[in-house]
Amino acid sequence: MQPLRILHSEAATAFGGQEHRIFKEMVAMRERGHHMEAVVQSRAQLVERLGDAGFTVHKVDMAGVRNYFKGIAAIKRILRAGHYDVLNTHSRRDTVIAAPAARLAGTPPLIVRTRHLASKVGSMWSYTWLPHRVTTVSDHVREYLITRGVPRDRIATLYSPIVPPPPIEKSTLREELGLSASDIVVGCVAVMRPAKGHRALIDAMLPLMRTRPNLHLVFVGSGSPTFERVQAYIAELGLQSRIHLMGTRRDVPNLLAGFDLFALATEQEASGTVYVEAQASGLPVVGTNVGGVSEMFRDGVSGFLVPLHDQPALTDALQRLIDDPALRRTMGEAGRRMIREEGIFSPQRLAERTEAVYRKWLAERGA
């Protein structure tokens, strides 16, 4: 088949989960033979990241009223010169600039908007009128947008991928914290925001820590003021030697290899790829039944799913894994197989699904 020419747009200037998804998708689609380009703001971190990876990056500033009209004109020129098959937008700001530019230019034949977040949407015109089709990072987000007016046959779920790290022979975590091999470590990796449920996880662990002196909780991640508030709460409980704050780390696979199980009591999540990353490291997981979390692992097989704000249920799920090493091994191996062998969340699977969805929609539009 003829390779597709695809232009991604993104207005964000930071490099978070959404931008990482765009980067991995572009790399995976290029490996399938497609031509990939991006249009981003001049100060965006994606400029350097994508440029270093060999992609053509168009720089168009999108902030402010003046840049709104200038941006439409600039992207209109880019689209007419690029002869693209697909424009894929990602944030509201770039959608309301790039999609009108495409409509005015009369090209490309397919405009797609991707929704990465689980939060409520105010105005729906950037999902219903501006793009031709919509993709989401989970079925949960997809169903929500359908209830808000996106036709069911014009929206598809494309899970965000992870790249499983090489196996870690020996984690440095326990040596750093002065823990022994017999200590049991419950780990959590998440940016420190109120909705990530760090305090709820502490509260669920408290009754277990009182009777298990070798039980520890490790938080990886940072973010003010939640980090400082969690730190103060740990000091108030007098558990500084049992609950460890490691801040932002660039060696997350190394730290995951030092955990016995992974837990995150998040209150809002579009998908929750951190659960996937934990399973890739062979860890059983405990998560809350919100957003797309239930789609990230198999409840009762590779981990336990508990209701939101149900502390007894969260404590019970943690206890079952903490007290049963054989269950931890069985669930951890099931998760590892799902991620590494089945490849459900691999970049290759994302690229295959994305190509199939694009071609289907292009055919529907007679392109």
Protein backbone atom coordinates (compact mmCIF):
# COMPACT_ATOMS: atom_id res chain seq x y z
CA MET A 1 0.00 0.00 0.00
CA GLN A 2 1.01 3.60 -0.56
CA PRO A 3 2.66 5.09 2.57
CA LEU A 4 0.65 7.79 4.28
CA ARG A 5 1.80 11.37 4.77
CA ILE A 6 0.81 12.47 8.28
CA LEU A 7 1.15 15.79 10.10
CA HIS A 8 0.77 15.93 13.90
CA SER A 9 0.04 19.21 15.68
CA GLU A 10 0.59 19.97 19.38
CA ALA A 11 0.39 23.31 21.22
CA ALA A 12 1.96 22.25 24.53
CA THR A 13 5.51 23.39 25.19
CA ALA A 14 6.42 20.90 27.97
CA PHE A 15 7.27 17.24 27.40
CA GLY A 16 4.82 15.17 29.45
CA GLY A 17 2.87 11.99 28.87
CA GLN A 18 0.86 13.40 25.97
CA GLU A 19 3.94 14.62 24.12
CA HIS A 20 5.75 11.36 24.84
CA ARG A 21 2.82 9.50 23.25
CA ILE A 22 3.07 11.69 20.12
CA PHE A 23 6.81 11.05 19.90
CA LYS A 24 6.46 7.25 20.23
CA GLU A 25 3.59 7.17 17.75
CA MET A 26 5.55 9.11 15.16
CA VAL A 27 8.57 6.84 15.55
CA ALA A 28 6.46 3.68 15.29
CA MET A 29 4.55 4.93 12.24
CA ARG A 30 7.79 5.92 10.51
CA GLU A 31 9.10 2.40 11.11
CA ARG A 32 6.04 1.13 9.20
CA GLY A 33 7.12 3.26 6.25
CA HIS A 34 4.90 6.33 6.67
CA HIS A 35 6.07 9.92 6.29
CA MET A 36 5.68 11.82 9.57
CA GLU A 37 6.00 15.55 10.29
CA ALA A 38 4.90 17.80 13.17
CA VAL A 39 3.85 21.40 13.73
CA VAL A 40 4.53 22.70 17.25
CA GLN A 41 5.30 25.97 19.00
CA SER A 42 8.83 27.32 18.61
CA ARG A 43 9.65 26.95 22.32
CA ALA A 44 8.21 23.44 22.64
CA GLN A 45 10.50 20.68 23.86
CA LEU A 46 9.16 18.55 21.02
CA VAL A 47 11.17 20.73 18.61
CA GLU A 48 14.45 19.33 19.88
CA ARG A 49 13.17 15.82 20.63
CA LEU A 50 11.65 15.31 17.19
CA GLY A 51 14.45 17.15 15.41
CA ASP A 52 17.08 14.96 17.03
CA ALA A 53 15.11 11.92 15.87
CA GLY A 54 15.25 13.15 12.27
CA PHE A 55 11.70 14.41 11.83
CA THR A 56 10.73 17.57 9.95
CA VAL A 57 9.32 20.00 12.54
CA HIS A 58 7.38 23.15 11.58
CA LYS A 59 7.46 25.89 14.21
CA VAL A 60 4.26 27.93 14.57
CA ASP A 61 3.46 29.96 17.69
CA MET A 62 -0.14 29.50 18.79
CA ALA A 63 -0.60 31.54 21.99
CA GLY A 64 -2.73 34.71 21.95
CA VAL A 65 -5.27 36.22 19.57
CA ARG A 66 -2.66 37.54 17.15
CA ASN A 67 -0.97 34.15 16.85
CA TYR A 68 -4.36 32.51 16.37
CA PHE A 69 -4.91 34.14 12.99
CA LYS A 70 -1.22 34.03 12.07
CA GLY A 71 -1.18 30.35 13.02
CA ILE A 72 -4.12 29.50 10.80
CA ALA A 73 -2.42 31.20 7.85
CA ALA A 74 0.93 29.52 8.55
CA ILE A 75 -0.51 26.02 8.95
CA LYS A 76 -2.68 26.50 5.88
CA ARG A 77 0.50 27.09 3.87
CA ILE A 78 2.20 24.05 5.44
CA LEU A 79 -0.77 21.81 4.62
CA ARG A 80 -0.99 22.93 1.00
CA ALA A 81 2.74 22.41 0.48
CA GLY A 82 2.93 19.07 2.30
CA HIS A 83 0.27 17.07 0.43
CA TYR A 84 -0.65 15.19 3.60
CA ASP A 85 -3.24 12.46 3.91
CA VAL A 86 -3.94 13.03 7.61
CA LEU A 87 -3.77 15.92 10.07
CA ASN A 88 -3.83 14.64 13.68
CA THR A 89 -4.34 17.32 16.35
CA HIS A 90 -3.87 16.74 20.07
CA SER A 91 -4.70 19.75 22.27
CA ARG A 92 -7.60 22.18 22.14
CA ARG A 93 -5.42 25.13 21.15
CA ASP A 94 -3.73 23.46 18.20
CA THR A 95 -7.04 21.90 17.15
CA VAL A 96 -8.83 25.25 16.89
CA ILE A 97 -5.93 26.58 14.79
CA ALA A 98 -4.83 23.62 12.67
CA ALA A 99 -8.29 22.17 11.93
CA PRO A 100 -9.71 25.46 10.57
CA ALA A 101 -6.51 25.85 8.54
CA ALA A 102 -7.15 22.42 7.03
CA ARG A 103 -10.79 23.24 6.32
CA LEU A 104 -9.78 26.47 4.58
CA ALA A 105 -6.97 24.79 2.66
CA GLY A 106 -9.25 21.95 1.55
CA THR A 107 -6.58 19.48 2.56
CA PRO A 108 -5.81 16.93 3.96
CA PRO A 109 -8.87 14.73 3.39
CA LEU A 110 -8.80 13.44 6.99
CA ILE A 111 -8.61 15.56 10.17
CA VAL A 112 -8.32 13.56 13.41
CA ARG A 113 -8.47 14.87 16.97
CA THR A 114 -6.92 12.76 19.76
CA ARG A 115 -8.26 13.07 23.33
CA HIS A 116 -5.64 12.20 25.95
CA LEU A 117 -7.42 13.34 29.14
CA ALA A 118 -10.19 11.99 31.40
CA SER A 119 -11.43 15.39 32.58
CA LYS A 120 -14.76 16.80 31.48
CA VAL A 121 -14.91 18.68 28.18
CA GLY A 122 -16.49 22.14 28.10
CA SER A 123 -17.02 23.02 24.45
CA MET A 124 -17.41 20.04 22.12
CA TRP A 125 -16.86 21.80 18.80
CA SER A 126 -13.21 20.73 18.68
CA TYR A 127 -14.47 17.11 18.71
CA THR A 128 -17.66 17.27 16.68
CA TRP A 129 -17.39 20.02 14.06
CA LEU A 130 -13.70 20.74 13.47
CA PRO A 131 -12.28 17.21 13.02
CA HIS A 132 -13.68 14.47 10.79
CA ARG A 133 -12.85 11.72 13.29
CA VAL A 134 -11.64 11.31 16.90
CA THR A 135 -9.30 8.90 18.70
CA THR A 136 -8.96 8.36 22.44
CA VAL A 137 -6.43 6.69 24.75
CA SER A 138 -9.03 4.44 26.41
CA ASP A 139 -12.53 3.09 25.92
CA HIS A 140 -13.57 5.05 29.03
CA VAL A 141 -12.71 8.35 27.34
CA ARG A 142 -14.30 7.12 24.11
CA GLU A 143 -17.61 6.32 25.79
CA TYR A 144 -17.62 9.68 27.53
CA LEU A 145 -17.21 11.57 24.25
CA ILE A 146 -19.96 9.47 22.67
CA THR A 147 -22.33 10.57 25.45
CA ARG A 148 -21.34 14.16 24.62
CA GLY A 149 -22.29 13.87 20.97
CA VAL A 150 -19.44 12.28 19.00
CA PRO A 151 -21.00 9.62 16.70
CA ARG A 152 -19.96 6.11 17.74
CA ASP A 153 -18.78 5.21 14.24
CA ARG A 154 -16.46 8.23 14.11
CA ILE A 155 -14.36 7.54 17.19
CA ALA A 156 -11.78 4.83 18.00
CA THR A 157 -9.58 3.84 20.92
CA LEU A 158 -5.81 3.70 20.37
CA TYR A 159 -3.94 2.78 23.57
CA SER A 160 -0.75 4.66 24.40
CA PRO A 161 2.30 2.41 24.09
CA ILE A 162 5.24 1.66 26.33
CA VAL A 163 8.67 0.40 25.38
CA PRO A 164 9.54 -2.34 27.89
CA PRO A 165 13.01 -1.72 29.34
CA PRO A 166 15.74 -4.35 29.26
CA PRO A 167 15.61 -6.67 32.28
CA ILE A 168 17.31 -5.18 35.36
CA GLU A 169 19.73 -7.63 36.93
CA LYS A 170 19.94 -5.83 40.28
CA SER A 171 18.02 -2.77 41.42
CA THR A 172 19.83 -0.16 43.51
CA LEU A 173 16.64 0.73 45.42
CA ARG A 174 17.17 -1.35 48.54
CA GLU A 175 20.79 -0.37 48.86
CA GLU A 176 19.86 3.31 48.59
CA LEU A 177 17.19 2.99 51.30
CA GLY A 178 19.10 0.56 53.52
CA LEU A 179 16.51 -2.20 53.07
CA SER A 180 17.14 -5.93 53.17
CA ALA A 181 15.97 -8.63 50.80
CA SER A 182 13.37 -9.72 53.37
CA ASP A 183 11.73 -6.28 53.50
CA ILE A 184 8.52 -5.95 51.48
CA VAL A 185 8.32 -2.86 49.30
CA VAL A 186 5.08 -1.43 47.94
CA GLY A 187 5.98 1.11 45.26
CA CYS A 188 4.12 3.96 43.60
CA VAL A 189 5.34 6.01 40.63
CA ALA A 190 3.27 9.11 39.86
CA VAL A 191 3.53 12.86 39.63
CA MET A 192 2.49 14.32 42.98
CA ARG A 193 -0.93 15.86 42.45
CA PRO A 194 -3.95 15.59 44.77
CA ALA A 195 -5.86 13.40 42.29
CA LYS A 196 -3.13 10.73 42.32
CA GLY A 197 -4.23 9.56 45.78
CA HIS A 198 -0.89 9.42 47.62
CA ARG A 199 -2.49 10.08 51.00
CA ALA A 200 -5.22 7.50 50.36
CA LEU A 201 -2.53 4.90 49.71
CA ILE A 202 -0.75 5.83 52.94
CA ASP A 203 -4.00 5.50 54.89
CA ALA A 204 -4.67 2.10 53.36
CA MET A 205 -1.16 0.95 54.27
CA LEU A 206 -1.23 2.16 57.89
CA PRO A 207 -3.07 -0.83 59.47
CA LEU A 208 -0.72 -3.20 57.63
CA MET A 209 2.43 -1.33 58.66
CA ARG A 210 1.47 -1.47 62.32
CA THR A 211 1.71 -5.27 62.35
CA ARG A 212 4.41 -5.80 59.73
CA PRO A 213 7.69 -4.11 60.70
CA ASN A 214 9.36 -5.15 57.43
CA LEU A 215 6.75 -3.40 55.24
CA HIS A 216 7.78 -0.22 53.39
CA LEU A 217 6.11 2.22 51.00
CA VAL A 218 8.11 4.06 48.33
CA PHE A 219 6.87 7.07 46.36
CA VAL A 220 8.66 8.09 43.15
CA GLY A 221 7.66 11.46 41.71
CA SER A 222 7.45 15.11 42.65
CA GLY A 223 5.17 18.12 42.36
CA SER A 224 4.48 21.06 44.67
CA PRO A 225 2.64 21.55 46.93
CA THR A 226 1.49 17.89 47.14
CA PHE A 227 5.03 16.62 47.74
CA GLU A 228 5.48 18.90 50.76
CA ARG A 229 2.03 18.00 52.12
CA VAL A 230 2.69 14.27 51.84
CA GLN A 231 6.09 14.77 53.43
CA ALA A 232 4.48 16.62 56.37
CA TYR A 233 1.84 13.90 56.77
CA ILE A 234 4.51 11.20 56.91
CA ALA A 235 6.38 13.19 59.59
CA GLU A 236 3.13 13.64 61.54
CA LEU A 237 2.70 9.86 61.52
CA GLY A 238 6.33 9.34 62.52
CA LEU A 239 6.90 6.99 59.58
CA GLN A 240 9.87 8.64 57.87
CA SER A 241 11.83 5.38 58.15
CA ARG A 242 9.04 3.34 56.56
CA ILE A 243 7.57 5.65 53.90
CA HIS A 244 10.21 6.92 51.49
CA LEU A 245 9.98 9.91 49.13
CA MET A 246 12.44 9.60 46.24
CA GLY A 247 11.35 12.60 44.16
CA THR A 248 11.79 12.69 40.39
CA ARG A 249 14.03 9.94 39.02
CA ARG A 250 15.27 9.12 35.55
CA ASP A 251 15.90 5.46 36.38
CA VAL A 252 12.31 4.34 37.01
CA PRO A 253 12.85 0.79 35.58
CA ASN A 254 15.72 0.36 38.05
CA LEU A 255 13.43 1.37 40.94
CA LEU A 256 10.50 -0.75 39.74
CA ALA A 257 12.83 -3.76 39.79
CA GLY A 258 13.29 -3.17 43.51
CA PHE A 259 9.54 -3.20 44.35
CA ASP A 260 7.55 -6.26 45.38
CA LEU A 261 4.28 -4.82 44.08
CA PHE A 262 2.95 -1.63 42.55
CA ALA A 263 -0.02 0.41 43.84
CA LEU A 264 -1.62 3.68 42.76
CA ALA A 265 -4.87 4.95 44.30
CA THR A 266 -5.56 7.48 41.56
CA GLU A 267 -8.86 9.36 41.51
CA GLN A 268 -8.81 10.32 37.82
CA GLU A 269 -7.02 8.66 34.93
CA ALA A 270 -7.57 8.67 31.18
CA SER A 271 -5.68 5.41 30.83
CA GLY A 272 -2.88 4.79 33.32
CA THR A 273 0.14 3.52 31.39
CA VAL A 274 2.18 3.44 34.61
CA TYR A 275 0.30 0.23 35.48
CA VAL A 276 1.48 -1.17 32.15
CA GLU A 277 5.07 -0.17 32.90
CA ALA A 278 4.87 -1.86 36.30
CA GLN A 279 3.59 -5.08 34.73
CA ALA A 280 6.38 -4.99 32.16
CA SER A 281 8.74 -5.14 35.14
CA GLY A 282 6.99 -8.27 36.42
CA LEU A 283 5.06 -6.59 39.24
CA PRO A 284 1.51 -7.35 40.37
CA VAL A 285 -0.53 -4.14 40.52
CA VAL A 286 -3.29 -2.63 42.64
CA GLY A 287 -5.38 0.16 41.12
CA THR A 288 -8.61 2.06 41.56
CA ASN A 289 -11.55 1.51 39.22
CA VAL A 290 -11.58 4.95 37.61
CA GLY A 291 -11.19 6.13 34.03
CA GLY A 292 -9.32 3.69 31.83
CA VAL A 293 -7.43 1.94 34.66
CA SER A 294 -9.50 -1.25 34.27
CA GLU A 295 -8.24 -1.50 30.68
CA MET A 296 -4.57 -1.44 31.70
CA PHE A 297 -4.45 -4.78 33.55
CA ARG A 298 -6.53 -7.91 34.11
CA ASP A 299 -8.36 -7.81 37.41
CA GLY A 300 -7.73 -10.97 39.42
CA VAL A 301 -5.06 -12.11 36.95
CA SER A 302 -2.25 -9.55 36.95
CA GLY A 303 -3.55 -7.40 39.80
CA PHE A 304 -6.52 -6.18 41.80
CA LEU A 305 -8.97 -3.43 40.91
CA VAL A 306 -10.69 -1.74 43.86
CA PRO A 307 -13.52 0.82 44.08
CA LEU A 308 -12.58 4.48 44.42
CA HIS A 309 -12.45 5.82 48.00
CA ASP A 310 -12.92 2.33 49.46
CA GLN A 311 -10.08 2.16 51.97
CA PRO A 312 -10.98 -1.30 53.39
CA ALA A 313 -11.00 -2.77 49.87
CA LEU A 314 -7.67 -1.14 49.06
CA THR A 315 -6.15 -2.41 52.30
CA ASP A 316 -7.47 -5.92 51.62
CA ALA A 317 -6.03 -6.00 48.08
CA LEU A 318 -2.66 -4.82 49.36
CA GLN A 319 -2.68 -7.35 52.19
CA ARG A 320 -3.39 -10.27 49.87
CA LEU A 321 -0.28 -9.48 47.84
CA ILE A 322 1.91 -8.43 50.77
CA ASP A 323 1.24 -11.68 52.67
CA ASP A 324 1.39 -14.08 49.72
CA PRO A 325 4.73 -14.20 47.85
CA ALA A 326 3.44 -16.97 45.56
CA LEU A 327 0.47 -14.83 44.51
CA ARG A 328 2.82 -11.93 43.82
CA ARG A 329 4.93 -14.13 41.57
CA THR A 330 1.94 -15.58 39.72
CA MET A 331 0.27 -12.22 39.08
CA GLY A 332 3.58 -10.55 38.26
CA GLU A 333 4.38 -13.20 35.66
CA ALA A 334 0.89 -12.91 34.16
CA GLY A 335 1.34 -9.17 33.75
CA ARG A 336 4.83 -9.55 32.33
CA ARG A 337 3.55 -12.00 29.69
CA MET A 338 0.64 -9.72 28.76
CA ILE A 339 2.95 -6.77 28.13
CA ARG A 340 6.13 -8.34 26.81
CA GLU A 341 4.79 -11.37 24.92
CA GLU A 342 1.28 -10.38 23.84
CA GLY A 343 2.43 -6.84 23.01
CA ILE A 344 -0.97 -5.28 23.67
CA PHE A 345 0.59 -1.93 24.55
CA SER A 346 3.56 -2.03 22.21
CA PRO A 347 4.45 0.80 19.78
CA GLN A 348 4.14 -1.72 16.96
CA ARG A 349 0.54 -2.55 17.93
CA LEU A 350 -0.27 1.17 18.16
CA ALA A 351 1.14 1.77 14.68
CA GLU A 352 -0.77 -1.17 13.19
CA ARG A 353 -4.05 -0.01 14.74
CA THR A 354 -3.44 3.64 13.82
CA GLU A 355 -2.72 2.79 10.20
CA ALA A 356 -5.83 0.60 9.99
CA VAL A 357 -8.03 3.31 11.49
CA TYR A 358 -6.61 6.04 9.26
CA ARG A 359 -7.06 3.95 6.09
CA LYS A 360 -10.61 2.97 7.06
CA TRP A 361 -11.58 6.60 7.67
CA LEU A 362 -9.85 7.79 4.51
CA ALA A 363 -11.81 5.20 2.54
CA GLU A 364 -15.05 6.31 4.17
CA ARG A 365 -14.31 9.87 3.09
CA GLY A 366 -13.57 8.73 -0.45
CA ALA A 367 -9.90 9.66 -0.24
